[in-house]
Amino acid sequence: MYRRPKFLEILLEIREQMSRDADFDVDLFTELVRSGKITEGHGSHSLGGTENGDNGNGTGLKGVKPKS
């Protein structure tokens, strides 16, 4: 059996940490929903553009140009 390259070992460590962080986020969100701390008063999240999700280019995506 061969030894894994260093970059692969680091990549796997990063993926494991990201997985643990995602699990924590899901657990926290579930707890907030169950406790009723999340209400309609919280705004939605967007990836860019205006509050209605439109960034002016007609695609709804930041940095994407509409097809001609």
Protein backbone atom coordinates (compact mmCIF):
# COMPACT_ATOMS: atom_id res chain seq x y z
CA MET A 1 0.00 0.00 0.00
CA TYR A 2 1.33 3.44 -0.85
CA ARG A 3 1.33 6.49 1.41
CA ARG A 4 -1.16 9.26 0.66
CA PRO A 5 0.24 12.53 -0.65
CA LYS A 6 0.31 15.35 1.90
CA PHE A 7 -2.20 17.48 -0.02
CA LEU A 8 -4.70 14.59 0.03
CA GLU A 9 -4.29 14.19 3.80
CA ILE A 10 -4.93 17.92 4.29
CA LEU A 11 -7.89 17.82 1.91
CA LEU A 12 -9.45 14.95 3.88
CA GLU A 13 -8.93 16.85 7.16
CA ILE A 14 -10.65 19.90 5.69
CA ARG A 15 -13.57 17.79 4.44
CA GLU A 16 -13.95 16.17 7.86
CA GLN A 17 -13.98 19.57 9.58
CA MET A 18 -16.51 20.95 7.09
CA SER A 19 -18.71 17.91 7.68
CA ARG A 20 -18.59 18.43 11.46
CA ASP A 21 -19.41 22.14 11.02
CA ALA A 22 -22.37 21.32 8.77
CA ASP A 23 -23.68 18.77 11.28
CA PHE A 24 -23.41 21.37 14.03
CA ASP A 25 -25.25 23.95 11.91
CA VAL A 26 -28.08 21.51 11.16
CA ASP A 27 -28.36 20.58 14.85
CA LEU A 28 -28.43 24.25 15.85
CA PHE A 29 -31.07 25.09 13.23
CA THR A 30 -33.21 22.13 14.35
CA GLU A 31 -32.97 23.26 17.96
CA LEU A 32 -33.95 26.82 17.02
CA VAL A 33 -36.97 25.59 15.06
CA ARG A 34 -38.10 23.27 17.85
CA SER A 35 -37.74 25.97 20.50
CA GLY A 36 -39.74 28.45 18.40
CA LYS A 37 -36.95 31.04 18.30
CA ILE A 38 -37.21 31.29 14.51
CA THR A 39 -40.19 33.41 13.53
CA GLU A 40 -41.53 35.08 10.41
CA GLY A 41 -39.64 38.24 11.44
CA HIS A 42 -36.33 36.84 10.24
CA GLY A 43 -35.36 37.83 6.72
CA SER A 44 -34.37 35.39 4.05
CA HIS A 45 -30.81 34.99 2.85
CA SER A 46 -29.71 35.73 -0.69
CA LEU A 47 -26.52 35.26 -2.66
CA GLY A 48 -26.49 38.81 -3.97
CA GLY A 49 -28.55 41.38 -5.74
CA THR A 50 -31.48 43.25 -4.30
CA GLU A 51 -33.92 42.19 -1.61
CA ASN A 52 -36.22 40.57 -4.16
CA GLY A 53 -33.32 38.50 -5.53
CA ASP A 54 -32.95 40.44 -8.76
CA ASN A 55 -29.51 41.82 -9.50
CA GLY A 56 -30.56 43.72 -12.60
CA ASN A 57 -29.23 41.31 -15.22
CA GLY A 58 -32.41 39.25 -15.52
CA THR A 59 -30.79 35.96 -14.42
CA GLY A 60 -31.12 36.27 -10.66
CA LEU A 61 -27.46 35.28 -10.37
CA LYS A 62 -24.66 37.65 -9.51
CA GLY A 63 -22.01 37.93 -12.18
CA VAL A 64 -23.99 35.96 -14.77
CA LYS A 65 -24.83 37.71 -18.02
CA PRO A 66 -28.12 36.87 -19.73
CA LYS A 67 -27.95 35.05 -23.06
CA SER A 68 -28.52 37.23 -26.12
